[in-house]
Amino acid sequence: MEEQMTDGYPRRRLLQAVGAGAMVGTSGCIARAIRKQNAASTITYGDREDTADLYAENYNSATDGLDVDFTLTDSRYRDTITKVKAGARVPGVLGLDVVRFPYFAEIEVLEDLSGFYQSLPYRKDFLGDVAELYGMYDGKRQGVPFWLDTSLYFYNKRHFERAGLDPENPPATWGAFRDALETLDEGLDKNRPPLGAAFTTGLAGFFGYPFVWANGGRIVNEARTEAMFDETPSVEALEYWVDINDSGLMTDPLSTNWTDWHSMFSNGQLSIIFTGGLGLNNIADSNRELFENDLGTAMLPKPEGGTRSSFLGGNNLAITTSLPQEDRRAGENFLRWVNSEEGMKTTWELGFMPGRKRGFEVGLATEEPYDTLLEGYRKTLEQGNTPKYPNYEEIDLIFTNAWSRALSGSATPKRALSAAATEVNNEVFDDV
């Protein structure tokens, strides 16, 4: 019933075919095929994930009107922006990594979606601040939430039981988390540390920022003109991880890669790992018994008195100035569809998460053990955060280098972060 209320565009009219015989259904399919074949044009949808072509495929098979053609976009956003400034066109509908969304908003290639967003009957169904984080920039609505990713941790419930920990109450604070790592390290006969994680390029932000946020810190100021990650909350977060690393409680934070620690967890060599949206499908495919019986999910821990947080990543979906005005409504139909029930089922199928509350009541989310495991993910969407500033890549690289220096022992956390903040202020923000 919800689909009939929210779609707002023609779909398969199966009820009309009931009792009319197979010939009517066949004729309808032929008529649709002819309409699409005779369409004057198609809408191009670009995305950085090659598997996202399934959105276009499912949308085209479920709707009338203009087809959506998928194209894989260049993940090197700076190169793309340089080309756009030189006059190159971008796809009419564009899936944007949410942390790169500000780059495109700044160069004014995204259309205003304020009126369209207000027309969505499910606009109040988005979780937490997702609608604002994934769609607003400098007070303008230029995107809608699409497929979402988020950081959290997995743990092995059987390992917890063997070590004397409560498998139904995973550690929620920094102190309890560290204590659990020590207990697992001492209580289990393993040749590896209990935690699998790393803070390399791309991951220092995904896993490190939430510890800064949980401690009340910020990466940059609200005006996006000054680095703030040299302040006490950020220093304490890095000191926490230097201590865990120096104590031998985690895999090498500067060399272990994502695939390796997920594989070690799946094989029972690790008890806890940091992960994201694709983690569930990874474990489901590699160790079904672990997935169905012993897997637990939890938000990243917080300090005493802090607030648990997460890095909200993934994509929003935008309409660009490249889309002809006569195709604007067709583009909006696609944006509307991706957050419909069928669209959100596609999102689950691809291993990501929808941003709507209703999304956790459709598709894989309704099947065991997904519905239980997804509770941890849902909390991250309600309490997570997204860094949104056009210099994200430059700042994140400098932040990552600071963490690397501290974790390798070449500088104290305070000195590493202070030097990094100075570098950001002098070389990144000074050019703004």
Protein backbone atom coordinates (compact mmCIF):
# COMPACT_ATOMS: atom_id res chain seq x y z
CA MET A 1 0.00 0.00 0.00
CA GLU A 2 2.83 2.39 0.81
CA GLU A 3 4.13 2.04 -2.74
CA GLN A 4 0.84 3.26 -4.16
CA MET A 5 0.95 6.25 -1.81
CA THR A 6 4.53 7.31 -2.41
CA ASP A 7 5.54 6.52 -5.96
CA GLY A 8 3.54 9.15 -7.79
CA TYR A 9 4.30 7.76 -11.26
CA PRO A 10 2.98 4.86 -13.41
CA ARG A 11 4.01 1.35 -12.37
CA ARG A 12 3.02 -2.14 -13.53
CA ARG A 13 -0.74 -2.30 -13.33
CA LEU A 14 -0.95 -5.94 -12.31
CA LEU A 15 -4.43 -5.64 -10.86
CA GLN A 16 -5.78 -4.56 -14.24
CA ALA A 17 -4.52 -7.79 -15.74
CA VAL A 18 -6.24 -10.04 -13.23
CA GLY A 19 -9.07 -11.90 -14.93
CA ALA A 20 -8.28 -10.43 -18.33
CA GLY A 21 -5.99 -13.27 -19.39
CA ALA A 22 -2.34 -13.54 -20.27
CA MET A 23 -2.89 -11.79 -23.62
CA VAL A 24 -3.63 -8.50 -21.92
CA GLY A 25 -0.46 -8.72 -19.81
CA THR A 26 1.60 -9.56 -22.87
CA SER A 27 0.10 -6.69 -24.83
CA GLY A 28 0.93 -4.31 -22.00
CA CYS A 29 4.57 -5.40 -21.98
CA ILE A 30 4.77 -4.98 -25.76
CA ALA A 31 3.19 -1.53 -25.57
CA ARG A 32 5.67 -0.47 -22.92
CA ALA A 33 8.58 -1.76 -24.94
CA ILE A 34 7.35 0.20 -27.98
CA ARG A 35 6.94 3.38 -25.93
CA LYS A 36 10.45 3.07 -24.56
CA GLN A 37 11.89 2.21 -27.95
CA ASN A 38 10.32 5.34 -29.41
CA ALA A 39 11.44 7.59 -26.55
CA ALA A 40 13.24 10.67 -27.79
CA SER A 41 16.01 10.40 -25.25
CA THR A 42 17.19 8.80 -22.05
CA ILE A 43 18.37 10.16 -18.74
CA THR A 44 21.96 9.48 -17.79
CA TYR A 45 22.62 8.47 -14.19
CA GLY A 46 26.25 8.46 -13.07
CA ASP A 47 27.67 6.78 -9.97
CA ARG A 48 31.08 5.80 -8.59
CA GLU A 49 29.99 2.19 -7.84
CA ASP A 50 29.75 -0.07 -10.88
CA THR A 51 27.14 -2.27 -9.17
CA ALA A 52 24.81 0.75 -8.99
CA ASP A 53 23.71 -0.05 -12.53
CA LEU A 54 21.14 -2.28 -10.81
CA TYR A 55 19.19 0.84 -9.84
CA ALA A 56 18.81 1.81 -13.50
CA GLU A 57 17.96 -1.75 -14.49
CA ASN A 58 15.27 -2.19 -11.84
CA TYR A 59 13.85 1.28 -12.40
CA ASN A 60 13.57 0.77 -16.15
CA SER A 61 11.80 -2.57 -15.75
CA ALA A 62 9.32 -1.15 -13.24
CA THR A 63 8.32 2.17 -14.78
CA ASP A 64 7.14 3.85 -17.95
CA GLY A 65 8.64 6.99 -19.40
CA LEU A 66 12.26 7.74 -20.17
CA ASP A 67 14.80 5.02 -19.48
CA VAL A 68 17.74 5.68 -17.20
CA ASP A 69 21.15 4.85 -18.65
CA PHE A 70 23.92 4.12 -16.17
CA THR A 71 27.47 5.40 -16.50
CA LEU A 72 30.41 4.84 -14.16
CA THR A 73 31.84 8.16 -13.00
CA ASP A 74 35.47 8.99 -12.33
CA SER A 75 36.25 8.53 -8.63
CA ARG A 76 38.98 11.17 -8.96
CA TYR A 77 36.70 14.06 -8.13
CA ARG A 78 39.30 16.76 -8.55
CA ASP A 79 39.88 15.63 -12.15
CA THR A 80 36.14 15.64 -12.79
CA ILE A 81 35.73 19.13 -11.34
CA THR A 82 38.61 20.43 -13.45
CA LYS A 83 36.89 19.06 -16.55
CA VAL A 84 33.57 20.60 -15.53
CA LYS A 85 35.17 24.00 -15.05
CA ALA A 86 36.60 23.64 -18.56
CA GLY A 87 33.10 23.10 -19.97
CA ALA A 88 32.61 19.33 -19.73
CA ARG A 89 29.13 18.06 -18.91
CA VAL A 90 28.23 15.82 -16.00
CA PRO A 91 25.46 13.18 -16.01
CA GLY A 92 21.97 14.62 -15.67
CA VAL A 93 21.37 12.60 -12.51
CA LEU A 94 24.43 12.14 -10.33
CA GLY A 95 25.15 9.92 -7.35
CA LEU A 96 27.69 11.82 -5.24
CA ASP A 97 29.89 10.60 -2.43
CA VAL A 98 28.39 12.68 0.34
CA VAL A 99 31.77 14.03 1.48
CA ARG A 100 32.42 15.25 -2.09
CA PHE A 101 28.94 16.74 -2.42
CA PRO A 102 30.24 20.20 -1.35
CA TYR A 103 32.75 20.26 -4.23
CA PHE A 104 29.93 20.11 -6.77
CA ALA A 105 27.67 22.45 -4.82
CA GLU A 106 30.46 25.03 -4.80
CA ILE A 107 30.88 25.03 -8.60
CA GLU A 108 27.10 25.41 -9.06
CA VAL A 109 26.34 22.38 -11.23
CA LEU A 110 23.57 21.06 -8.95
CA GLU A 111 19.92 22.05 -9.32
CA ASP A 112 17.77 23.32 -6.47
CA LEU A 113 15.56 20.46 -5.22
CA SER A 114 13.64 22.37 -2.54
CA GLY A 115 10.24 22.13 -4.23
CA PHE A 116 10.75 18.50 -5.21
CA TYR A 117 11.80 17.54 -1.68
CA GLN A 118 8.74 19.21 -0.17
CA SER A 119 6.56 17.12 -2.49
CA LEU A 120 7.92 13.83 -1.12
CA PRO A 121 5.28 12.20 1.09
CA TYR A 122 8.02 10.35 2.97
CA ARG A 123 10.31 13.34 3.62
CA LYS A 124 9.69 13.10 7.39
CA ASP A 125 10.60 9.40 7.38
CA PHE A 126 14.36 9.91 6.99
CA LEU A 127 16.38 8.81 10.01
CA GLY A 128 17.96 11.35 12.34
CA ASP A 129 19.70 14.15 10.46
CA VAL A 130 20.14 12.11 7.28
CA ALA A 131 17.93 14.38 5.16
CA GLU A 132 20.00 17.44 6.08
CA LEU A 133 23.43 15.77 6.00
CA TYR A 134 22.84 14.20 2.60
CA GLY A 135 20.92 16.98 0.93
CA MET A 136 21.68 20.44 2.30
CA TYR A 137 24.69 22.64 1.67
CA ASP A 138 24.88 26.30 2.69
CA GLY A 139 21.15 26.35 3.27
CA LYS A 140 20.23 24.96 -0.15
CA ARG A 141 18.53 21.63 -0.87
CA GLN A 142 20.60 20.13 -3.68
CA GLY A 143 20.37 16.40 -3.04
CA VAL A 144 18.34 13.61 -1.46
CA PRO A 145 19.66 10.66 0.60
CA PHE A 146 20.45 7.68 -1.60
CA TRP A 147 22.51 4.67 -0.52
CA LEU A 148 24.21 5.06 2.84
CA ASP A 149 27.32 3.67 4.50
CA THR A 150 28.34 3.98 8.13
CA SER A 151 31.09 2.95 10.55
CA LEU A 152 30.56 0.60 13.50
CA TYR A 153 32.03 -2.62 14.87
CA PHE A 154 31.32 -6.35 14.61
CA TYR A 155 32.08 -8.79 17.41
CA ASN A 156 32.05 -12.57 17.76
CA LYS A 157 29.51 -13.54 20.43
CA ARG A 158 31.04 -16.98 20.93
CA HIS A 159 34.43 -15.41 21.63
CA PHE A 160 32.78 -13.08 24.15
CA GLU A 161 31.20 -16.03 25.96
CA ARG A 162 34.46 -17.98 26.06
CA ALA A 163 36.28 -14.97 27.51
CA GLY A 164 33.58 -14.38 30.14
CA LEU A 165 32.07 -11.29 28.50
CA ASP A 166 28.36 -10.68 28.02
CA PRO A 167 27.60 -11.34 24.32
CA GLU A 168 24.38 -9.33 24.49
CA ASN A 169 26.00 -6.23 25.99
CA PRO A 170 29.01 -5.23 23.90
CA PRO A 171 31.23 -2.47 25.36
CA ALA A 172 29.85 1.02 24.85
CA THR A 173 32.52 3.21 26.46
CA TRP A 174 36.21 3.70 25.70
CA GLY A 175 37.18 2.18 29.05
CA ALA A 176 34.90 -0.83 28.70
CA PHE A 177 36.04 -1.38 25.11
CA ARG A 178 39.71 -1.41 26.08
CA ASP A 179 38.98 -3.71 29.03
CA ALA A 180 37.14 -6.08 26.70
CA LEU A 181 40.14 -6.17 24.35
CA GLU A 182 42.42 -7.10 27.25
CA THR A 183 39.98 -9.76 28.45
CA LEU A 184 39.73 -11.27 24.98
CA ASP A 185 43.49 -11.15 24.53
CA GLU A 186 44.11 -12.94 27.83
CA GLY A 187 41.13 -15.30 27.76
CA LEU A 188 41.43 -16.68 24.23
CA ASP A 189 44.31 -18.72 22.88
CA LYS A 190 44.91 -16.67 19.74
CA ASN A 191 48.09 -15.77 17.92
CA ARG A 192 46.65 -12.44 16.87
CA PRO A 193 45.42 -9.37 18.74
CA PRO A 194 41.67 -9.28 19.37
CA LEU A 195 40.84 -6.19 17.28
CA GLY A 196 41.05 -5.78 13.52
CA ALA A 197 41.15 -2.16 12.35
CA ALA A 198 43.39 0.40 10.66
CA PHE A 199 43.69 4.16 10.28
CA THR A 200 45.18 4.40 6.82
CA THR A 201 44.10 6.78 4.03
CA GLY A 202 40.31 6.85 3.84
CA LEU A 203 39.94 4.91 7.09
CA ALA A 204 41.43 7.40 9.55
CA GLY A 205 38.39 9.57 8.88
CA PHE A 206 35.85 6.75 8.63
CA PHE A 207 36.92 5.24 11.95
CA GLY A 208 38.85 8.06 13.63
CA TYR A 209 36.48 11.02 13.27
CA PRO A 210 33.70 9.31 15.29
CA PHE A 211 36.06 9.12 18.29
CA VAL A 212 36.74 12.85 18.00
CA TRP A 213 33.03 13.61 17.66
CA ALA A 214 32.10 11.30 20.55
CA ASN A 215 34.51 13.25 22.76
CA GLY A 216 32.90 16.57 21.82
CA GLY A 217 35.53 17.57 19.27
CA ARG A 218 35.35 18.92 15.73
CA ILE A 219 37.49 18.52 12.65
CA VAL A 220 36.94 22.08 11.38
CA ASN A 221 34.99 25.05 12.70
CA GLU A 222 31.42 25.78 11.62
CA ALA A 223 32.52 28.46 9.18
CA ARG A 224 34.88 25.95 7.54
CA THR A 225 37.82 28.35 7.90
CA GLU A 226 39.94 26.77 10.64
CA ALA A 227 41.09 23.28 11.67
CA MET A 228 39.92 22.25 15.14
CA PHE A 229 41.39 18.76 15.42
CA ASP A 230 44.36 19.93 17.51
CA GLU A 231 42.09 20.61 20.49
CA THR A 232 41.87 18.42 23.59
CA PRO A 233 38.98 16.14 22.46
CA SER A 234 40.88 15.14 19.33
CA VAL A 235 44.19 14.72 21.16
CA GLU A 236 42.53 12.45 23.74
CA ALA A 237 40.97 10.34 20.99
CA LEU A 238 44.34 9.80 19.33
CA GLU A 239 46.03 9.10 22.69
CA TYR A 240 43.42 6.40 23.27
CA TRP A 241 44.37 4.65 20.04
CA VAL A 242 48.09 5.04 20.53
CA ASP A 243 47.67 3.27 23.88
CA ILE A 244 45.67 0.40 22.35
CA ASN A 245 48.18 -0.01 19.55
CA ASP A 246 51.21 0.16 21.86
CA SER A 247 49.57 -2.48 24.08
CA GLY A 248 49.38 -4.91 21.17
CA LEU A 249 45.59 -5.11 21.22
CA MET A 250 44.94 -4.37 17.54
CA THR A 251 46.25 -5.30 14.12
CA ASP A 252 48.86 -2.98 12.63
CA PRO A 253 46.89 0.27 12.18
CA LEU A 254 49.16 1.47 9.38
CA SER A 255 49.42 -1.63 7.20
CA THR A 256 46.48 -4.00 7.73
CA ASN A 257 43.94 -3.67 4.93
CA TRP A 258 40.17 -3.97 5.04
CA THR A 259 40.03 -7.31 3.21
CA ASP A 260 42.59 -8.92 5.50
CA TRP A 261 40.94 -8.07 8.80
CA HIS A 262 37.49 -9.04 7.55
CA SER A 263 38.92 -12.36 6.39
CA MET A 264 40.62 -12.91 9.76
CA PHE A 265 37.37 -12.15 11.58
CA SER A 266 35.42 -14.50 9.32
CA ASN A 267 37.99 -17.25 10.02
CA GLY A 268 37.72 -16.78 13.77
CA GLN A 269 41.17 -15.23 14.21
CA LEU A 270 39.85 -11.87 15.42
CA SER A 271 37.12 -11.18 17.98
CA ILE A 272 36.21 -7.59 17.03
CA ILE A 273 36.58 -5.63 13.79
CA PHE A 274 35.71 -2.16 12.63
CA THR A 275 33.52 -2.24 9.53
CA GLY A 276 30.87 -0.49 7.46
CA GLY A 277 27.75 -1.07 5.39
CA LEU A 278 29.22 -3.79 3.18
CA GLY A 279 30.41 -5.78 6.20
CA LEU A 280 27.21 -7.77 6.61
CA ASN A 281 27.24 -9.20 3.11
CA ASN A 282 30.95 -9.91 3.46
CA ILE A 283 30.44 -12.10 6.53
CA ALA A 284 27.23 -13.63 5.15
CA ASP A 285 29.11 -14.80 2.07
CA SER A 286 32.28 -15.97 3.81
CA ASN A 287 30.99 -17.64 6.99
CA ARG A 288 27.26 -18.29 7.08
CA GLU A 289 27.36 -20.01 10.47
CA LEU A 290 29.06 -17.01 12.08
CA PHE A 291 26.64 -14.67 10.34
CA GLU A 292 23.52 -16.53 11.47
CA ASN A 293 24.52 -17.51 15.00
CA ASP A 294 27.43 -15.60 16.49
CA LEU A 295 27.68 -12.17 14.87
CA GLY A 296 26.99 -9.04 16.89
CA THR A 297 26.90 -5.39 15.77
CA ALA A 298 27.46 -2.27 17.87
CA MET A 299 28.14 1.44 17.57
CA LEU A 300 31.69 2.62 18.11
CA PRO A 301 32.32 3.36 21.81
CA LYS A 302 32.30 6.75 23.49
CA PRO A 303 34.22 8.28 26.41
CA GLU A 304 32.46 8.67 29.74
CA GLY A 305 30.00 11.53 29.35
CA GLY A 306 30.30 11.53 25.56
CA THR A 307 27.86 10.64 22.81
CA ARG A 308 28.38 7.63 20.54
CA SER A 309 28.84 8.58 16.92
CA SER A 310 29.57 7.22 13.48
CA PHE A 311 30.88 8.39 10.13
CA LEU A 312 27.95 8.57 7.72
CA GLY A 313 29.17 8.01 4.18
CA GLY A 314 27.68 6.72 0.97
CA ASN A 315 25.87 8.73 -1.68
CA ASN A 316 23.24 11.33 -2.14
CA LEU A 317 21.45 11.74 -5.47
CA ALA A 318 21.31 15.06 -7.29
CA ILE A 319 20.00 16.56 -10.52
CA THR A 320 22.61 18.56 -12.40
CA THR A 321 22.40 21.52 -14.73
CA SER A 322 23.21 19.11 -17.59
CA LEU A 323 19.71 17.63 -17.47
CA PRO A 324 17.43 19.37 -20.02
CA GLN A 325 14.51 21.14 -18.38
CA GLU A 326 12.03 19.09 -20.40
CA ASP A 327 13.47 15.97 -18.72
CA ARG A 328 13.42 17.44 -15.22
CA ARG A 329 10.25 15.62 -14.17
CA ALA A 330 11.62 12.31 -15.43
CA GLY A 331 14.77 12.89 -13.40
CA GLU A 332 12.70 13.63 -10.31
CA ASN A 333 10.78 10.39 -10.85
CA PHE A 334 14.04 8.46 -10.58
CA LEU A 335 15.02 10.35 -7.41
CA ARG A 336 11.58 9.59 -5.99
CA TRP A 337 11.84 5.90 -6.91
CA VAL A 338 15.20 5.20 -5.24
CA ASN A 339 13.62 5.84 -1.83
CA SER A 340 10.43 3.94 -2.63
CA GLU A 341 10.07 0.39 -1.31
CA GLU A 342 11.33 -1.15 -4.55
CA GLY A 343 14.25 1.24 -4.68
CA MET A 344 15.20 0.53 -1.08
CA LYS A 345 15.04 -3.23 -1.71
CA THR A 346 17.61 -2.64 -4.45
CA THR A 347 19.76 -0.75 -1.94
CA TRP A 348 19.74 -3.74 0.44
CA GLU A 349 20.49 -6.08 -2.43
CA LEU A 350 23.64 -4.08 -3.19
CA GLY A 351 24.79 -4.28 0.44
CA PHE A 352 24.11 -0.69 1.44
CA MET A 353 21.42 0.94 3.57
CA PRO A 354 18.51 3.25 2.81
CA GLY A 355 18.10 6.39 4.87
CA ARG A 356 14.40 5.97 5.68
CA LYS A 357 12.89 4.33 8.76
CA ARG A 358 10.61 2.44 6.39
CA GLY A 359 13.71 1.09 4.69
CA PHE A 360 14.37 -1.10 7.70
CA GLU A 361 11.01 -2.80 7.16
CA VAL A 362 11.49 -4.00 3.57
CA GLY A 363 13.58 -6.52 1.66
CA LEU A 364 16.53 -8.16 3.43
CA ALA A 365 15.92 -6.00 6.49
CA THR A 366 12.89 -8.15 7.35
CA GLU A 367 14.78 -11.45 7.23
CA GLU A 368 16.69 -13.12 10.05
CA PRO A 369 19.36 -12.45 11.11
CA TYR A 370 19.44 -9.14 9.21
CA ASP A 371 16.64 -7.56 11.22
CA THR A 372 18.53 -8.16 14.48
CA LEU A 373 21.98 -7.24 13.16
CA LEU A 374 20.72 -4.04 11.57
CA GLU A 375 19.75 -2.51 14.91
CA GLY A 376 23.35 -1.37 15.38
CA TYR A 377 23.33 0.17 11.91
CA ARG A 378 20.08 1.98 12.49
CA LYS A 379 21.48 3.63 15.60
CA THR A 380 24.47 4.90 13.63
CA LEU A 381 22.16 6.58 11.13
CA GLU A 382 20.30 8.29 13.97
CA GLN A 383 23.44 9.52 15.76
CA GLY A 384 26.14 9.72 13.09
CA ASN A 385 27.75 12.70 11.41
CA THR A 386 29.16 13.66 8.01
CA PRO A 387 32.08 16.05 7.42
CA LYS A 388 30.90 18.55 4.80
CA TYR A 389 33.41 21.01 3.44
CA PRO A 390 34.83 21.40 -0.08
CA ASN A 391 38.42 20.79 1.09
CA TYR A 392 37.60 17.38 2.58
CA GLU A 393 40.21 15.33 0.70
CA GLU A 394 43.10 17.69 1.47
CA ILE A 395 42.18 17.99 5.15
CA ASP A 396 41.56 14.27 5.56
CA LEU A 397 44.98 13.42 4.11
CA ILE A 398 46.73 15.79 6.53
CA PHE A 399 44.67 14.40 9.43
CA THR A 400 45.58 10.84 8.38
CA ASN A 401 49.28 11.68 8.24
CA ALA A 402 49.09 13.09 11.76
CA TRP A 403 47.52 9.89 13.08
CA SER A 404 50.16 7.85 11.24
CA ARG A 405 52.98 9.81 12.88
CA ALA A 406 51.51 9.32 16.35
CA LEU A 407 50.68 5.64 15.87
CA SER A 408 54.16 4.93 14.52
CA GLY A 409 55.74 6.67 17.51
CA SER A 410 57.47 9.39 15.52
CA ALA A 411 55.50 12.15 17.30
CA THR A 412 53.23 12.54 20.30
CA PRO A 413 49.51 12.87 19.51
CA LYS A 414 49.50 16.50 20.63
CA ARG A 415 52.52 17.45 18.55
CA ALA A 416 51.34 15.54 15.47
CA LEU A 417 47.88 17.10 15.54
CA SER A 418 49.16 20.59 16.27
CA ALA A 419 51.50 20.47 13.28
CA ALA A 420 48.72 19.07 11.09
CA ALA A 421 46.23 21.76 12.11
CA THR A 422 48.81 24.44 11.34
CA GLU A 423 49.38 22.87 7.93
CA VAL A 424 45.65 22.89 7.17
CA ASN A 425 45.25 26.50 8.27
CA ASN A 426 48.28 27.71 6.31
CA GLU A 427 48.00 25.64 3.14
CA VAL A 428 44.32 24.73 2.74
CA PHE A 429 42.21 27.42 4.36
CA ASP A 430 44.67 30.18 3.51
CA ASP A 431 43.82 29.60 -0.17
CA VAL A 432 40.05 29.71 0.34
